[in-house]
Amino acid sequence: MSIKPYAIDRMISAKSIAARIEQLAVEIEAEFSNTDKLVVVGLLRGSFVFIADLVREINLPIEVDFLEVTSYGDSMESSREVRIIKDLRDTIESRDVLIVEDIVDTGHTMKNVTQHLLRRQPARLRTIALLDKPSRREVKIKTDFLGFEIPDEFVVGYGIDYAQRDRNLPYIGKVRFT
């Protein structure tokens, strides 16, 4: 796949992201206040920056695990076929679980991952996404915690990539092809 030339316009600043994560941590602490340990499950690869910052703000006992799922590859469009490439290392049966996603677009990934983990009988399962594009939704799914709702724009930064590029940007930016 060849990468078309593009520019990036800032949408959400690093400062805004940090402030929202602090607020989300408070909400998560309230939801899971009686947990003995919260299993935070990051969806790789896009959520790794978000999950790192989020878990540092949550004042609860936490265990971190990861699922690697794919539905995009190097494309800008979801294939709608969700594949689990790496599964959880440990059991989540009877445990409190928070799924961390970078962006909910069509909803297929979050729906499939949620169903996959519910079959393992967690005590509680909640979801959080940094970004949500509700105008693109194809399946009925709503996250329990949300960072920002955004319009139907292709975005990069803060862990989110375009063909493995721009994950390292500290902000969320809109891709504009030149």
Protein backbone atom coordinates (compact mmCIF):
# COMPACT_ATOMS: atom_id res chain seq x y z
CA MET A 1 0.00 0.00 0.00
CA SER A 2 1.39 3.40 -0.90
CA ILE A 3 0.94 6.25 1.53
CA LYS A 4 -0.59 9.37 0.04
CA PRO A 5 1.01 12.69 1.09
CA TYR A 6 -0.87 14.27 3.98
CA ALA A 7 -0.81 16.99 6.60
CA ILE A 8 -2.16 16.89 10.13
CA ASP A 9 -4.44 19.51 11.68
CA ARG A 10 -4.64 19.49 15.49
CA MET A 11 -8.06 18.54 16.87
CA ILE A 12 -7.53 17.76 20.56
CA SER A 13 -4.52 19.09 22.45
CA ALA A 14 -2.32 17.05 24.77
CA LYS A 15 -3.44 19.29 27.62
CA SER A 16 -7.13 18.59 26.90
CA ILE A 17 -6.46 14.86 26.74
CA ALA A 18 -4.62 14.90 30.09
CA ALA A 19 -7.43 16.87 31.77
CA ARG A 20 -10.09 14.50 30.44
CA ILE A 21 -8.14 11.44 31.59
CA GLU A 22 -8.03 12.86 35.11
CA GLN A 23 -11.83 13.21 35.03
CA LEU A 24 -12.29 9.72 33.63
CA ALA A 25 -10.09 8.25 36.37
CA VAL A 26 -12.38 9.77 39.01
CA GLU A 27 -15.44 8.24 37.30
CA ILE A 28 -13.75 4.83 37.04
CA GLU A 29 -12.69 4.94 40.70
CA ALA A 30 -16.31 5.61 41.68
CA GLU A 31 -17.61 2.74 39.52
CA PHE A 32 -15.07 0.24 40.85
CA SER A 33 -14.62 1.61 44.39
CA ASN A 34 -15.27 -1.78 45.99
CA THR A 35 -13.00 -3.84 43.74
CA ASP A 36 -10.12 -5.84 45.14
CA LYS A 37 -8.34 -5.47 41.78
CA LEU A 38 -9.36 -3.98 38.45
CA VAL A 39 -8.15 -5.81 35.34
CA VAL A 40 -7.53 -3.15 32.71
CA VAL A 41 -7.51 -4.70 29.25
CA GLY A 42 -5.92 -2.59 26.55
CA LEU A 43 -6.69 -3.21 22.90
CA LEU A 44 -3.42 -3.12 21.05
CA ARG A 45 -1.99 -1.32 19.37
CA GLY A 46 -3.87 1.97 19.33
CA SER A 47 -4.72 2.16 23.03
CA PHE A 48 -1.22 1.78 24.48
CA VAL A 49 -0.60 5.50 25.11
CA PHE A 50 -4.11 6.04 26.48
CA ILE A 51 -3.93 3.02 28.78
CA ALA A 52 -0.51 4.06 30.13
CA ASP A 53 -1.75 7.52 31.06
CA LEU A 54 -5.10 6.25 32.32
CA VAL A 55 -3.77 3.61 34.73
CA ARG A 56 -1.36 6.13 36.25
CA GLU A 57 -4.36 8.29 37.19
CA ILE A 58 -6.59 5.53 38.64
CA ASN A 59 -6.15 5.15 42.38
CA LEU A 60 -7.19 1.48 42.65
CA PRO A 61 -5.33 -1.84 42.68
CA ILE A 62 -4.80 -2.56 38.98
CA GLU A 63 -3.63 -5.42 36.81
CA VAL A 64 -2.96 -4.71 33.12
CA ASP A 65 -3.40 -7.17 30.28
CA PHE A 66 -3.72 -6.79 26.53
CA LEU A 67 -5.66 -8.12 23.58
CA GLU A 68 -4.32 -7.49 20.12
CA VAL A 69 -7.13 -7.18 17.63
CA THR A 70 -7.24 -6.01 14.06
CA SER A 71 -9.88 -4.85 11.65
CA TYR A 72 -7.96 -2.16 9.76
CA GLY A 73 -4.49 -3.40 8.81
CA ASP A 74 -2.86 -0.49 6.94
CA SER A 75 -6.17 0.69 5.54
CA MET A 76 -8.19 3.76 6.47
CA GLU A 77 -11.41 1.71 6.43
CA SER A 78 -12.41 -1.10 8.76
CA SER A 79 -12.69 -4.51 7.13
CA ARG A 80 -15.44 -5.26 9.70
CA GLU A 81 -13.73 -8.59 10.25
CA VAL A 82 -12.35 -8.51 13.78
CA ARG A 83 -9.51 -10.90 14.45
CA ILE A 84 -7.90 -11.54 17.84
CA ILE A 85 -4.18 -11.84 17.26
CA LYS A 86 -3.12 -11.95 20.93
CA ASP A 87 -5.44 -13.04 23.71
CA LEU A 88 -5.33 -12.33 27.44
CA ARG A 89 -2.61 -13.97 29.46
CA ASP A 90 -4.65 -14.51 32.65
CA THR A 91 -8.19 -15.44 33.60
CA ILE A 92 -10.84 -12.76 34.18
CA GLU A 93 -13.54 -15.04 35.60
CA SER A 94 -15.27 -13.36 38.58
CA ARG A 95 -13.01 -10.30 38.24
CA ASP A 96 -13.74 -6.65 37.50
CA VAL A 97 -12.65 -5.74 33.97
CA LEU A 98 -12.29 -2.46 32.07
CA ILE A 99 -11.73 -2.69 28.30
CA VAL A 100 -9.69 0.26 26.99
CA GLU A 101 -10.11 1.19 23.30
CA ASP A 102 -8.53 4.07 21.41
CA ILE A 103 -11.45 4.84 19.09
CA VAL A 104 -14.92 3.43 18.51
CA ASP A 105 -15.87 3.80 14.88
CA THR A 106 -18.20 1.20 13.33
CA GLY A 107 -18.45 -0.53 16.71
CA HIS A 108 -17.54 -3.97 15.38
CA THR A 109 -14.28 -4.26 17.36
CA MET A 110 -15.78 -3.19 20.68
CA LYS A 111 -18.83 -5.42 20.22
CA ASN A 112 -16.74 -8.48 19.32
CA VAL A 113 -14.22 -7.95 22.10
CA THR A 114 -16.99 -7.37 24.66
CA GLN A 115 -18.76 -10.58 23.62
CA HIS A 116 -15.45 -12.46 23.65
CA LEU A 117 -14.67 -11.36 27.21
CA LEU A 118 -18.22 -11.77 28.55
CA ARG A 119 -18.00 -15.48 27.70
CA ARG A 120 -15.25 -15.64 30.34
CA GLN A 121 -17.71 -14.57 33.04
CA PRO A 122 -16.14 -11.48 34.61
CA ALA A 123 -17.84 -10.07 37.71
CA ARG A 124 -18.24 -6.70 35.97
CA LEU A 125 -17.21 -5.63 32.50
CA ARG A 126 -17.09 -1.96 31.52
CA THR A 127 -15.68 -0.19 28.49
CA ILE A 128 -13.86 3.06 27.88
CA ALA A 129 -12.80 4.75 24.65
CA LEU A 130 -10.67 7.81 24.18
CA LEU A 131 -12.58 8.76 21.02
CA ASP A 132 -16.00 7.96 19.60
CA LYS A 133 -17.38 8.56 16.09
CA PRO A 134 -21.09 7.86 16.58
CA SER A 135 -21.93 8.91 13.01
CA ARG A 136 -20.01 5.85 11.75
CA ARG A 137 -21.71 3.29 14.00
CA GLU A 138 -22.92 0.11 12.28
CA VAL A 139 -23.65 -1.98 15.37
CA LYS A 140 -25.38 -0.99 18.58
CA ILE A 141 -22.67 -0.38 21.17
CA LYS A 142 -22.07 2.39 23.68
CA THR A 143 -19.01 2.78 25.87
CA ASP A 144 -19.44 3.22 29.61
CA PHE A 145 -16.78 5.92 29.76
CA LEU A 146 -15.80 8.27 26.94
CA GLY A 147 -13.02 10.76 26.41
CA PHE A 148 -14.21 12.74 23.38
CA GLU A 149 -16.86 12.46 20.71
CA ILE A 150 -15.46 13.47 17.32
CA PRO A 151 -16.86 13.95 13.81
CA ASP A 152 -16.24 11.49 11.00
CA GLU A 153 -12.60 12.42 10.39
CA PHE A 154 -9.56 10.19 9.98
CA VAL A 155 -7.35 10.92 12.99
CA VAL A 156 -3.87 10.09 14.22
CA GLY A 157 -1.77 10.71 17.30
CA TYR A 158 -1.77 9.69 20.93
CA GLY A 159 -1.26 6.05 19.92
CA ILE A 160 -3.55 6.10 16.88
CA ASP A 161 -1.83 5.54 13.56
CA TYR A 162 -2.12 5.75 9.82
CA ALA A 163 -0.19 2.78 8.38
CA GLN A 164 1.93 2.66 11.56
CA ARG A 165 2.79 6.38 11.37
CA ASP A 166 2.14 9.25 13.79
CA ARG A 167 1.35 7.17 16.90
CA ASN A 168 3.93 9.27 18.76
CA LEU A 169 2.12 12.61 18.40
CA PRO A 170 1.09 13.90 21.87
CA TYR A 171 -2.23 15.22 20.51
CA ILE A 172 -5.07 13.99 18.28
CA GLY A 173 -4.85 15.33 14.76
CA LYS A 174 -7.07 15.18 11.70
CA VAL A 175 -5.39 13.77 8.57
CA ARG A 176 -5.75 16.04 5.56
CA PHE A 177 -4.52 14.55 2.30
CA THR A 178 -2.53 16.99 0.17
